[in-house]
Each structure stands twice: as C-alpha cells, then as structure tokens.
Amino acid sequence: MTSTIHLHNTLTRQKEALRTEHPDRVTMYVCGPTVYNYAHIGNARPAVVFDILARVLRHEFREVVYARNFTDVDDKINAAAIASASPIAEITNRFIDAYHEDMTALGVASPDLEPRVTDHIPEIINLIQRLIDRGHAYVEQGHALFHVPSYTAYGQLSGRLPKDMMAGARVEVAPYKQSPLDFVLWKPSTPELPGWDSPWGRGRPGWHVECSAMIGHHLGHTIDIHGGGQDLIFPHHENEIAQGACANGTLYCRTWVHNSFVTVDGQKMSKSLGNVLLVRDLLSQAPGEAIRFALLSTHYRRPMDWNAQRLQTAVQTLTRLYSSLSKVSKVPAAPDVVPDEKVLEALKNDLSVTEALARLHVLRSAVDSAETDEEKALSKAKLINSAAILGLLQQDPAVAIQALMPPPDTQQTPTHRHHLESLLDARNQARAARDFAKADALRDELLAAGFSIEDTAGGSRLRPSARSVI
C-alpha cells in the first residue's frame, strides 16, 4: 500500500510516499540505547522524533507496531560493570529504568515493543546459522563472521562501495577474517564476561546481528520503516541489511529514516570536552515539555545545535501558548474536534514539525480572538488536539505555566528578543557563506518560536505568526 505520508528514504536518497505491506498495518523499528549510562540529549533526539512519527502513523493506520530495542550486552556495559564492581544485569536494569524515566519526562510514549538483546539469544544463534548455511558467513577461531563479498549489494544504504572501502578506509584486520570488510556475528567470551553456549563455543553476539534477529522475530523478515540516528547508517544499518537480506532472501526494509546530529554550543559532544548533556541534568533547568519543544525546533534531518538560548526560546514559546489556553480555562473544550488539517499535512510531509509548530501559533491566535463561548470551545479544542500529535500542550495551563516559570504573559524579554535577532543575523551569515543546511536549521528554529522570515531588498526581517510579539 502507498500512503499519504511522505518520508525521506535514506536508501533511495529522496522523499517518497510511504509503502507498506498491508493497507491498514505498518511496522517500525528504531535502534534504542546501549544501556550503560544515562541518556544524553543526542539519545533523546531520535526518541522524540520517532515518537512523533509513531503518533502520525497512528492517525493513518489502524494498526501500528512500533519496536525500539535495548542493547543490554556490549563491551561498554561490561566495562561499566567491572568499574563499579556490579553485576551486568544490575547495570542494565538501572539504566533502562533511568531511560524510561527521562523519556517519560519528555513526553515520549512507550513503544509497542521494547525487546532486549539478552532475551533473544536463541533467535540470534538461529540467524547466524542460516547465514552460515547459505554461504554468507563462516566460523574461524571461535568467531562467526559475515562475509561481505558474498553480498553484492553491500553499501547501497551508505553509498560506500566495498572496493572504495578496501582502497581508502581503515578497516579492522584480523587473522581470522577472509576479507578485511567482514564483520563479527559471534565472538568468544572469557570466563569473566557474559556468554552463552552456541555451536561455535561459549560467546556473545556482535552488535549488528542483534537488531536483525529481533526484527525478524517480532516484525517479520521485511519491515516498513527502520529508524535511528545518522551515525548508525554505516556500519550498523548497512550490516543489518546484509544480514537480513542474505538470511531470508527478501527485502529487509522499505523505508529508512535517519535523524541528524546534535552538537552543543557548536561542538560535537564528547567526554573530553566535558559537554555531554544528560537529559536528567537538563530537567533541572526546564520542564521536559520545554526540552521536547527545543528538540523539535529544527527539522529532524538537519543538524541541531543545543544551547541555553534554544531552551530559553522553547520556555518562552510554550509560556505564550499555555497563556492563551489559560484565558479559556473555564470553557470546556468542544468534543469531537479533529486536529487541524494543516498541522497533519505538515507532519505527513517528511515530519515538517517546524511548520506544524508555526501553525500552532495561528491556532493560538484563534483562541485569543474568540469572543463567544462556542468560539472559545472550538478554538481551544482545535489547538489542544492539534498539539497532541506533537506531544505538546496536554497539561493544565496553570500548572504548566508555573513549571515554566516565566510570567504568564505573551511579551518577550529583552534577552529573548535579542536572541531572536541573533538567530536572524546568524541565518543571514550562513546564507551568505552558502551554508544552506545551517541557514535552514536557523530558519526552522525561528519558525518553531512563531516567526517567519521575510527577505526584502532592504534586508531580512522577522514576521510574527499571528500575535507573537517581538
């Protein structure tokens, strides 16, 4: 089936209508966290992005099966367990609970399925054995490895051809590999490391094979959507395709969706720079809804730079939206009001969340201008029900405004006004430097805050959406 939802497919490198195997059912799998530490803002971005996609899918399809996994066996987990002298299960359970707490605070709904690697060892072993039987994998020195040259379509997702990788890329060379590009499916475990019995000896799975096995077990050999961060395209998702296609002789996934990177104050997050921002630390600075709003203020396929001003803008914008709802708090929302069609159209168009957010400001203006109780009830319901698809504006306005802390009015502070102007200046500089990706990201942030850009012969200026005040 071809739906009215259009997504940018990493595999085809173009935006296209979503195709599903069944007309009333869609399957989606998203790579979740490796649970050895608390979630940082980079982990939160895909969780929020694919939460929005799942909400949109549920409007379009009768049945949505959304799975997001936990990787609970990994060398980093082993290292964390050794460093803390704790059992591995204690480490993983602690951080799975913490991840759930943090994502709930951000308004991320639980997926339908949350498979854990350690619960699927038999499926992983079975998948590896099928690859061996079909001539796509081999065993050497206690390792089971996928033989990349056996799959001629390898590299189609990332655009990296094996011959180019062999010529110029650094690849792991090991004596047990038939080709330097071959990757591990199963590796031996020493006594102090977690391990399971297998036909190839006691060991544990390689990272890539885990997702392929869990997808096959829960969603079938061919899924409709596979999502994750851009950093997973190669090698993880490339290897997933090779495993799934070769083990089952079928198409692995129809549509691949990837969100772009998150930087902090213009720099890549890293422990060495000390700029890894944990979600739970940010929650001490602002409510989860504000963090969610800030994460949505740049289109998912564009790089997003996290900074204090972005969060401040989100707080100010949410305060304005809730302030309008507080004015009609005594009027019950009208029943059976469907979400705004323009909000839905924006989200169905490759998750154009910033356009949807800009539309919320127009709906807010309708609330402000409503005169009769009937008008207030209808406009209130339209705003709340439209925002629900974005996971926003579902709290009691008085409670939300108190948590957001700025006074419940719609005026911008001088600091906020200066920030908006600096965003416009930065966008103009990016355009002059022909850095259009950065320029578009800055435009998105302004749209989310309720302002469009008017380019005139005399320069660029901000135009408020509805009654936003600058």
Protein backbone atom coordinates (compact mmCIF):
# COMPACT_ATOMS: atom_id res chain seq x y z
CA MET A 1 0.00 0.00 0.00
CA THR A 2 1.10 3.60 -0.70
CA SER A 3 0.03 6.06 2.00
CA THR A 4 -0.35 9.84 2.08
CA ILE A 5 2.68 10.06 4.38
CA HIS A 6 5.89 11.07 2.62
CA LEU A 7 9.30 10.44 4.18
CA HIS A 8 12.86 10.95 3.05
CA ASN A 9 14.17 7.44 2.40
CA THR A 10 17.90 7.20 3.08
CA LEU A 11 18.05 4.15 0.82
CA THR A 12 16.73 5.94 -2.27
CA ARG A 13 18.01 9.39 -1.23
CA GLN A 14 14.69 11.03 -1.97
CA LYS A 15 11.38 11.85 -0.37
CA GLU A 16 8.73 9.35 -1.35
CA ALA A 17 5.31 8.09 -0.36
CA LEU A 18 5.46 5.52 2.42
CA ARG A 19 4.82 2.00 1.13
CA THR A 20 3.58 -0.73 3.46
CA GLU A 21 2.95 -4.42 3.03
CA HIS A 22 -0.57 -4.19 4.41
CA PRO A 23 -3.03 -1.33 3.80
CA ASP A 24 -4.06 -0.99 7.43
CA ARG A 25 -0.86 -2.01 9.25
CA VAL A 26 2.62 -0.52 9.48
CA THR A 27 5.73 -1.85 11.22
CA MET A 28 8.54 0.36 12.51
CA TYR A 29 11.77 -0.50 14.31
CA VAL A 30 14.09 2.09 15.85
CA CYS A 31 17.50 1.39 17.32
CA GLY A 32 17.38 2.22 21.00
CA PRO A 33 20.14 2.91 23.51
CA THR A 34 23.01 0.79 24.75
CA VAL A 35 22.26 0.91 28.46
CA TYR A 36 25.47 1.63 30.34
CA ASN A 37 24.88 5.30 31.22
CA TYR A 38 22.20 7.94 31.46
CA ALA A 39 20.59 9.25 28.25
CA HIS A 40 22.10 12.43 26.82
CA ILE A 41 20.44 14.96 24.53
CA GLY A 42 21.71 13.11 21.45
CA ASN A 43 19.91 9.95 22.63
CA ALA A 44 16.76 11.98 23.25
CA ARG A 45 16.51 13.38 19.73
CA PRO A 46 15.64 10.09 17.94
CA ALA A 47 13.34 9.09 20.80
CA VAL A 48 11.32 12.30 20.32
CA VAL A 49 11.50 12.27 16.50
CA PHE A 50 10.21 8.72 16.17
CA ASP A 51 7.62 9.30 18.88
CA ILE A 52 6.20 11.99 16.60
CA LEU A 53 6.33 9.64 13.60
CA ALA A 54 4.54 6.92 15.59
CA ARG A 55 1.79 9.41 16.51
CA VAL A 56 1.36 10.38 12.86
CA LEU A 57 1.28 6.74 11.78
CA ARG A 58 -1.47 6.00 14.32
CA HIS A 59 -3.61 8.66 12.63
CA GLU A 60 -3.10 6.99 9.25
CA PHE A 61 -3.15 3.26 10.03
CA ARG A 62 -5.48 1.04 12.01
CA GLU A 63 -2.54 -0.94 13.44
CA VAL A 64 0.95 0.32 14.21
CA VAL A 65 3.62 -2.00 15.59
CA TYR A 66 6.49 0.13 16.85
CA ALA A 67 9.54 -1.59 18.37
CA ARG A 68 12.54 0.14 19.97
CA ASN A 69 15.19 -2.11 21.43
CA PHE A 70 17.60 -2.04 24.35
CA THR A 71 21.14 -3.26 23.75
CA ASP A 72 21.91 -4.87 27.11
CA VAL A 73 25.05 -6.82 26.20
CA ASP A 74 28.01 -4.81 24.97
CA ASP A 75 31.68 -4.20 25.75
CA LYS A 76 30.86 -0.77 27.20
CA ILE A 77 28.37 -2.39 29.56
CA ASN A 78 31.00 -4.94 30.55
CA ALA A 79 33.46 -2.15 31.29
CA ALA A 80 30.90 -0.26 33.38
CA ALA A 81 30.12 -3.40 35.38
CA ILE A 82 33.80 -4.05 36.07
CA ALA A 83 34.43 -0.41 37.02
CA SER A 84 31.56 -0.40 39.52
CA ALA A 85 32.05 -4.00 40.69
CA SER A 86 28.37 -4.59 39.91
CA PRO A 87 26.61 -7.45 38.13
CA ILE A 88 25.92 -6.65 34.48
CA ALA A 89 22.15 -7.08 34.90
CA GLU A 90 22.22 -4.55 37.72
CA ILE A 91 23.88 -2.02 35.40
CA THR A 92 21.47 -2.56 32.52
CA ASN A 93 18.32 -2.62 34.63
CA ARG A 94 19.33 0.57 36.40
CA PHE A 95 19.88 2.48 33.18
CA ILE A 96 16.81 1.05 31.44
CA ASP A 97 14.73 2.37 34.35
CA ALA A 98 16.52 5.72 34.12
CA TYR A 99 15.92 5.88 30.36
CA HIS A 100 12.21 5.24 30.88
CA GLU A 101 12.05 8.00 33.49
CA ASP A 102 13.82 10.51 31.27
CA MET A 103 11.80 9.73 28.15
CA THR A 104 8.54 9.87 30.10
CA ALA A 105 9.55 13.33 31.30
CA LEU A 106 9.98 14.34 27.65
CA GLY A 107 6.51 13.08 26.81
CA VAL A 108 7.79 10.14 24.78
CA ALA A 109 5.15 7.41 24.72
CA SER A 110 6.28 3.81 25.22
CA PRO A 111 6.65 1.84 22.00
CA ASP A 112 4.57 -1.27 21.49
CA LEU A 113 7.63 -3.49 21.94
CA GLU A 114 10.94 -2.99 23.76
CA PRO A 115 12.97 -6.13 23.04
CA ARG A 116 16.23 -6.73 24.89
CA VAL A 117 19.15 -8.48 23.26
CA THR A 118 19.67 -10.91 26.12
CA ASP A 119 16.12 -12.21 25.69
CA HIS A 120 16.80 -13.14 22.06
CA ILE A 121 19.99 -15.19 22.09
CA PRO A 122 18.30 -18.27 20.51
CA GLU A 123 16.97 -16.11 17.65
CA ILE A 124 20.42 -14.60 17.15
CA ILE A 125 22.08 -18.02 17.02
CA ASN A 126 19.45 -19.23 14.58
CA LEU A 127 20.00 -16.25 12.29
CA ILE A 128 23.77 -16.75 12.29
CA GLN A 129 23.34 -20.44 11.46
CA ARG A 130 21.11 -19.57 8.49
CA LEU A 131 23.76 -17.19 7.19
CA ILE A 132 26.39 -19.92 7.51
CA ASP A 133 24.16 -22.47 5.78
CA ARG A 134 23.51 -20.06 2.90
CA GLY A 135 27.22 -19.39 2.39
CA HIS A 136 27.20 -15.80 3.67
CA ALA A 137 29.04 -16.43 6.93
CA TYR A 138 31.82 -18.66 8.25
CA VAL A 139 33.43 -19.70 11.52
CA GLU A 140 37.08 -19.12 12.33
CA GLN A 141 38.91 -19.23 15.68
CA GLY A 142 35.69 -19.20 17.70
CA HIS A 143 34.27 -16.25 15.72
CA ALA A 144 31.35 -16.32 13.34
CA LEU A 145 31.75 -13.65 10.68
CA PHE A 146 29.64 -12.27 7.85
CA HIS A 147 31.49 -12.47 4.53
CA VAL A 148 30.84 -9.08 2.91
CA PRO A 149 31.95 -10.09 -0.63
CA SER A 150 29.12 -12.65 -0.65
CA TYR A 151 26.54 -9.85 -0.78
CA THR A 152 26.93 -7.86 -4.00
CA ALA A 153 24.52 -5.08 -2.93
CA TYR A 154 26.60 -4.19 0.14
CA GLY A 155 26.97 -0.43 0.51
CA GLN A 156 23.67 0.60 -1.06
CA LEU A 157 22.38 2.40 2.04
CA SER A 158 25.52 4.39 2.86
CA GLY A 159 26.76 4.78 -0.70
CA ARG A 160 30.11 3.27 0.31
CA LEU A 161 31.30 0.75 -2.25
CA PRO A 162 33.37 -2.18 -0.93
CA LYS A 163 36.15 -1.51 -3.44
CA ASP A 164 36.45 2.07 -2.20
CA MET A 165 36.44 0.96 1.43
CA MET A 166 39.18 -1.54 0.70
CA ALA A 167 41.25 1.12 -1.05
CA GLY A 168 40.93 4.04 1.32
CA ALA A 169 39.09 3.29 4.55
CA ARG A 170 40.58 1.95 7.73
CA VAL A 171 39.08 -1.45 8.45
CA GLU A 172 39.82 -3.88 11.22
CA VAL A 173 42.32 -6.52 10.10
CA ALA A 174 42.27 -9.80 11.99
CA PRO A 175 43.87 -13.15 11.16
CA TYR A 176 40.51 -14.91 11.26
CA LYS A 177 38.93 -12.70 8.57
CA GLN A 178 38.67 -13.88 4.97
CA SER A 179 38.14 -10.25 3.91
CA PRO A 180 39.10 -7.14 5.88
CA LEU A 181 35.50 -5.93 5.47
CA ASP A 182 33.98 -8.99 7.15
CA PHE A 183 32.27 -8.23 10.44
CA VAL A 184 31.67 -10.26 13.58
CA LEU A 185 28.39 -12.04 14.20
CA TRP A 186 29.51 -14.01 17.25
CA LYS A 187 32.63 -13.70 19.38
CA PRO A 188 34.08 -15.82 22.17
CA SER A 189 33.72 -14.76 25.80
CA THR A 190 36.32 -15.21 28.50
CA PRO A 191 35.05 -16.62 31.83
CA GLU A 192 34.54 -13.20 33.45
CA LEU A 193 32.43 -11.90 30.55
CA PRO A 194 28.80 -12.71 29.80
CA GLY A 195 28.39 -15.58 27.38
CA TRP A 196 26.00 -18.19 26.04
CA ASP A 197 26.55 -21.63 24.61
CA SER A 198 26.42 -21.84 20.83
CA PRO A 199 27.52 -24.22 18.04
CA TRP A 200 30.70 -22.15 17.85
CA GLY A 201 31.51 -22.16 21.56
CA ARG A 202 30.62 -20.01 24.52
CA GLY A 203 30.37 -16.40 23.44
CA ARG A 204 28.16 -13.38 22.84
CA PRO A 205 26.65 -11.73 19.76
CA GLY A 206 28.15 -8.97 17.70
CA TRP A 207 26.29 -5.67 17.73
CA HIS A 208 24.86 -5.70 14.20
CA VAL A 209 23.25 -9.15 14.26
CA GLU A 210 21.16 -8.35 17.32
CA CYS A 211 18.74 -5.95 15.63
CA SER A 212 18.29 -8.18 12.58
CA ALA A 213 17.33 -11.11 14.81
CA MET A 214 14.90 -9.10 16.95
CA ILE A 215 13.26 -7.56 13.88
CA GLY A 216 12.79 -10.98 12.29
CA HIS A 217 11.30 -12.39 15.47
CA HIS A 218 8.85 -9.58 16.26
CA LEU A 219 8.09 -7.80 12.98
CA GLY A 220 8.84 -10.25 10.18
CA HIS A 221 11.52 -10.57 7.52
CA THR A 222 10.54 -7.30 5.78
CA ILE A 223 9.60 -4.21 7.77
CA ASP A 224 8.09 -0.96 6.58
CA ILE A 225 10.22 1.63 8.44
CA HIS A 226 13.59 1.42 10.15
CA GLY A 227 14.81 4.46 12.05
CA GLY A 228 17.77 5.73 14.03
CA GLY A 229 20.46 8.34 14.21
CA GLN A 230 22.54 9.30 11.19
CA ASP A 231 25.62 7.83 12.84
CA LEU A 232 24.08 4.35 12.53
CA ILE A 233 23.84 4.36 8.72
CA PHE A 234 27.32 2.85 8.47
CA PRO A 235 28.24 0.30 9.51
CA HIS A 236 25.30 -0.73 11.71
CA HIS A 237 22.35 -0.36 9.37
CA GLU A 238 24.38 -1.33 6.33
CA ASN A 239 25.27 -4.56 8.07
CA GLU A 240 21.70 -5.12 9.18
CA ILE A 241 20.57 -5.04 5.55
CA ALA A 242 23.25 -7.53 4.55
CA GLN A 243 22.29 -9.95 7.32
CA GLY A 244 18.53 -9.72 6.85
CA ALA A 245 18.57 -9.89 3.06
CA CYS A 246 21.03 -12.78 2.93
CA ALA A 247 19.46 -14.84 5.72
CA ASN A 248 15.91 -14.60 4.38
CA GLY A 249 16.28 -13.87 0.67
CA THR A 250 13.89 -10.92 0.94
CA LEU A 251 13.87 -7.14 1.07
CA TYR A 252 14.90 -6.14 4.60
CA CYS A 253 13.24 -2.73 4.93
CA ARG A 254 11.23 -0.47 2.62
CA THR A 255 11.96 2.95 4.13
CA TRP A 256 14.98 4.08 6.14
CA VAL A 257 14.62 7.26 8.23
CA HIS A 258 17.57 8.90 9.99
CA ASN A 259 17.77 11.98 12.20
CA SER A 260 20.84 14.21 12.05
CA PHE A 261 23.41 15.01 14.71
CA VAL A 262 23.21 17.14 17.85
CA THR A 263 26.05 19.47 18.76
CA VAL A 264 26.45 21.55 21.92
CA ASP A 265 27.40 25.20 21.54
CA GLY A 266 28.78 24.40 18.09
CA GLN A 267 30.91 21.46 19.20
CA LYS A 268 30.49 17.72 18.99
CA MET A 269 29.54 16.15 22.31
CA SER A 270 32.43 14.29 23.91
CA LYS A 271 33.66 13.34 27.37
CA SER A 272 37.00 15.00 26.67
CA LEU A 273 35.28 18.37 26.14
CA GLY A 274 33.01 17.82 29.12
CA ASN A 275 29.95 18.88 27.14
CA VAL A 276 27.86 15.71 27.23
CA LEU A 277 24.44 16.99 28.32
CA LEU A 278 22.37 14.44 30.19
CA VAL A 279 18.60 14.66 29.91
CA ARG A 280 18.17 14.39 33.68
CA ASP A 281 20.51 17.34 34.20
CA LEU A 282 18.57 19.44 31.69
CA LEU A 283 15.37 18.55 33.53
CA SER A 284 16.69 20.52 36.48
CA GLN A 285 16.82 23.59 34.21
CA ALA A 286 13.44 23.32 32.50
CA PRO A 287 10.38 21.07 32.31
CA GLY A 288 10.52 18.08 30.00
CA GLU A 289 7.96 19.64 27.67
CA ALA A 290 10.31 22.58 27.04
CA ILE A 291 13.18 20.22 26.27
CA ARG A 292 10.90 18.32 23.90
CA PHE A 293 9.88 21.57 22.20
CA ALA A 294 13.51 22.60 21.82
CA LEU A 295 14.35 19.23 20.24
CA LEU A 296 11.55 19.74 17.73
CA SER A 297 12.58 23.26 16.75
CA THR A 298 14.91 22.02 13.98
CA HIS A 299 13.84 19.61 11.24
CA TYR A 300 14.95 16.09 12.11
CA ARG A 301 17.21 15.70 9.07
CA ARG A 302 19.14 18.87 9.81
CA PRO A 303 21.96 19.20 12.36
CA MET A 304 20.79 20.75 15.61
CA ASP A 305 22.97 22.85 17.87
CA TRP A 306 21.89 22.73 21.51
CA ASN A 307 22.49 25.81 23.61
CA ALA A 308 20.96 27.65 26.55
CA GLN A 309 19.25 30.14 24.25
CA ARG A 310 17.42 27.37 22.39
CA LEU A 311 15.97 26.09 25.66
CA GLN A 312 15.06 29.61 26.75
CA THR A 313 13.23 30.18 23.47
CA ALA A 314 11.30 26.94 23.99
CA VAL A 315 10.30 28.02 27.52
CA GLN A 316 9.14 31.44 26.28
CA THR A 317 7.20 29.97 23.36
CA LEU A 318 5.44 27.34 25.45
CA THR A 319 4.55 30.00 28.01
CA ARG A 320 2.83 32.06 25.30
CA LEU A 321 0.89 29.03 24.06
CA TYR A 322 -0.23 27.98 27.53
CA SER A 323 -1.09 31.58 28.42
CA SER A 324 -3.63 31.65 25.61
CA LEU A 325 -5.15 28.40 26.86
CA SER A 326 -5.29 29.75 30.41
CA LYS A 327 -7.58 32.55 29.22
CA VAL A 328 -10.19 29.99 28.21
CA SER A 329 -9.58 27.55 31.05
CA LYS A 330 -13.13 27.88 32.35
CA VAL A 331 -14.61 26.96 28.97
CA PRO A 332 -14.73 23.20 28.29
CA ALA A 333 -13.11 22.18 25.03
CA ALA A 334 -15.61 21.22 22.36
CA PRO A 335 -15.93 17.45 21.87
CA ASP A 336 -15.07 15.51 18.71
CA VAL A 337 -12.86 18.22 17.18
CA VAL A 338 -10.29 16.75 14.81
CA PRO A 339 -6.70 18.03 14.61
CA ASP A 340 -6.01 20.90 12.25
CA GLU A 341 -5.57 19.66 8.69
CA LYS A 342 -2.57 21.92 8.04
CA VAL A 343 -0.78 20.50 11.09
CA LEU A 344 -1.40 16.99 9.78
CA GLU A 345 -0.32 17.94 6.27
CA ALA A 346 2.95 19.34 7.59
CA LEU A 347 3.70 16.24 9.64
CA LYS A 348 2.80 13.90 6.77
CA ASN A 349 5.29 15.82 4.63
CA ASP A 350 8.51 14.28 5.97
CA LEU A 351 7.74 15.31 9.55
CA SER A 352 7.86 19.04 8.91
CA VAL A 353 7.47 19.66 12.63
CA THR A 354 8.61 23.27 12.48
CA GLU A 355 5.80 24.07 10.03
CA ALA A 356 3.37 22.30 12.33
CA LEU A 357 4.66 24.33 15.29
CA ALA A 358 4.26 27.53 13.29
CA ARG A 359 0.66 26.52 12.60
CA LEU A 360 0.05 26.18 16.36
CA HIS A 361 0.72 29.90 16.69
CA VAL A 362 -2.06 30.59 14.18
CA LEU A 363 -4.40 28.33 16.17
CA ARG A 364 -3.35 30.16 19.34
CA SER A 365 -4.34 33.44 17.69
CA ALA A 366 -7.79 31.98 17.04
CA VAL A 367 -8.10 31.22 20.75
CA ASP A 368 -7.07 34.77 21.64
CA SER A 369 -9.57 36.33 19.23
CA ALA A 370 -12.51 34.07 20.10
CA GLU A 371 -15.41 36.05 21.58
CA THR A 372 -18.29 33.68 22.26
CA ASP A 373 -18.09 30.59 24.45
CA GLU A 374 -18.77 28.46 21.39
CA GLU A 375 -15.84 30.01 19.51
CA LYS A 376 -13.63 29.60 22.54
CA ALA A 377 -14.59 25.92 22.96
CA LEU A 378 -13.93 25.13 19.30
CA SER A 379 -10.63 27.03 19.03
CA LYS A 380 -9.42 25.60 22.33
CA ALA A 381 -10.16 22.03 21.21
CA LYS A 382 -8.52 22.59 17.84
CA LEU A 383 -5.31 23.87 19.43
CA ILE A 384 -5.11 21.15 22.11
CA ASN A 385 -5.96 18.28 19.75
CA SER A 386 -3.54 19.50 17.11
CA ALA A 387 -0.74 19.91 19.64
CA ALA A 388 -1.40 16.39 20.95
CA ILE A 389 0.12 14.89 17.80
CA LEU A 390 3.28 16.73 18.72
CA GLY A 391 3.07 15.65 22.35
CA LEU A 392 2.55 19.24 23.49
CA LEU A 393 0.02 21.37 25.42
CA GLN A 394 -1.64 18.47 27.24
CA GLN A 395 -1.17 19.87 30.76
CA ASP A 396 -3.35 22.11 32.85
CA PRO A 397 -2.26 25.62 31.73
CA ALA A 398 -1.83 26.97 35.28
CA VAL A 399 0.36 24.02 36.28
CA ALA A 400 2.41 24.23 33.08
CA ILE A 401 2.97 27.99 33.34
CA GLN A 402 4.11 27.67 36.94
CA ALA A 403 6.60 24.96 35.94
CA LEU A 404 7.89 27.05 33.03
CA MET A 405 8.47 29.92 35.48
CA PRO A 406 8.31 32.99 33.20
CA PRO A 407 5.31 35.21 33.98
CA PRO A 408 2.11 34.13 32.20
CA ASP A 409 2.08 36.79 29.52
CA THR A 410 2.99 36.89 25.86
CA GLN A 411 5.64 39.60 25.98
CA GLN A 412 9.21 38.75 25.03
CA THR A 413 12.01 39.65 27.43
CA PRO A 414 14.83 41.82 26.04
CA THR A 415 17.16 38.84 26.31
CA HIS A 416 14.76 36.69 24.32
CA ARG A 417 14.24 39.42 21.72
CA HIS A 418 17.99 39.76 21.33
CA HIS A 419 18.30 36.00 20.86
CA LEU A 420 15.72 36.01 18.06
CA GLU A 421 17.56 38.81 16.31
CA SER A 422 20.87 36.99 16.70
CA LEU A 423 19.30 33.90 15.11
CA LEU A 424 18.22 36.01 12.13
CA ASP A 425 21.73 37.50 11.83
CA ALA A 426 23.31 34.05 12.02
CA ARG A 427 20.90 32.76 9.36
CA ASN A 428 21.83 35.62 7.01
CA GLN A 429 25.53 34.97 7.55
CA ALA A 430 25.04 31.27 6.83
CA ARG A 431 23.22 32.08 3.59
CA ALA A 432 25.99 34.46 2.55
CA ALA A 433 28.52 31.69 3.21
CA ARG A 434 26.31 29.29 1.19
CA ASP A 435 25.91 27.07 4.24
CA PHE A 436 22.29 26.38 3.41
CA ALA A 437 21.89 23.48 5.84
CA LYS A 438 22.76 25.78 8.75
CA ALA A 439 20.60 28.57 7.34
CA ASP A 440 17.61 26.24 7.08
CA ALA A 441 18.16 24.94 10.61
CA LEU A 442 18.16 28.51 11.97
CA ARG A 443 15.02 29.30 9.98
CA ASP A 444 13.38 26.23 11.49
CA GLU A 445 14.18 27.42 15.00
CA LEU A 446 12.61 30.79 14.30
CA LEU A 447 9.52 29.13 12.80
CA ALA A 448 9.14 26.98 15.90
CA ALA A 449 9.27 30.11 18.04
CA GLY A 450 6.47 31.61 15.98
CA PHE A 451 8.32 33.81 13.48
CA SER A 452 8.81 33.58 9.73
CA ILE A 453 11.49 35.40 7.77
CA GLU A 454 10.68 37.99 5.12
CA ASP A 455 13.56 38.60 2.71
CA THR A 456 13.30 42.03 1.09
CA ALA A 457 15.56 44.23 -1.00
CA GLY A 458 16.37 46.13 2.18
CA GLY A 459 17.33 43.01 4.12
CA SER A 460 15.67 40.28 6.14
CA ARG A 461 13.20 40.81 8.93
CA LEU A 462 11.09 38.70 11.24
CA ARG A 463 7.35 38.42 10.82
CA PRO A 464 5.39 37.14 13.83
CA SER A 465 2.96 34.29 13.29
CA ALA A 466 -0.45 35.51 14.37
CA ARG A 467 0.06 37.61 17.52
CA SER A 468 3.55 36.65 18.55
CA VAL A 469 5.31 39.70 19.98
CA ILE A 470 8.92 40.56 19.22
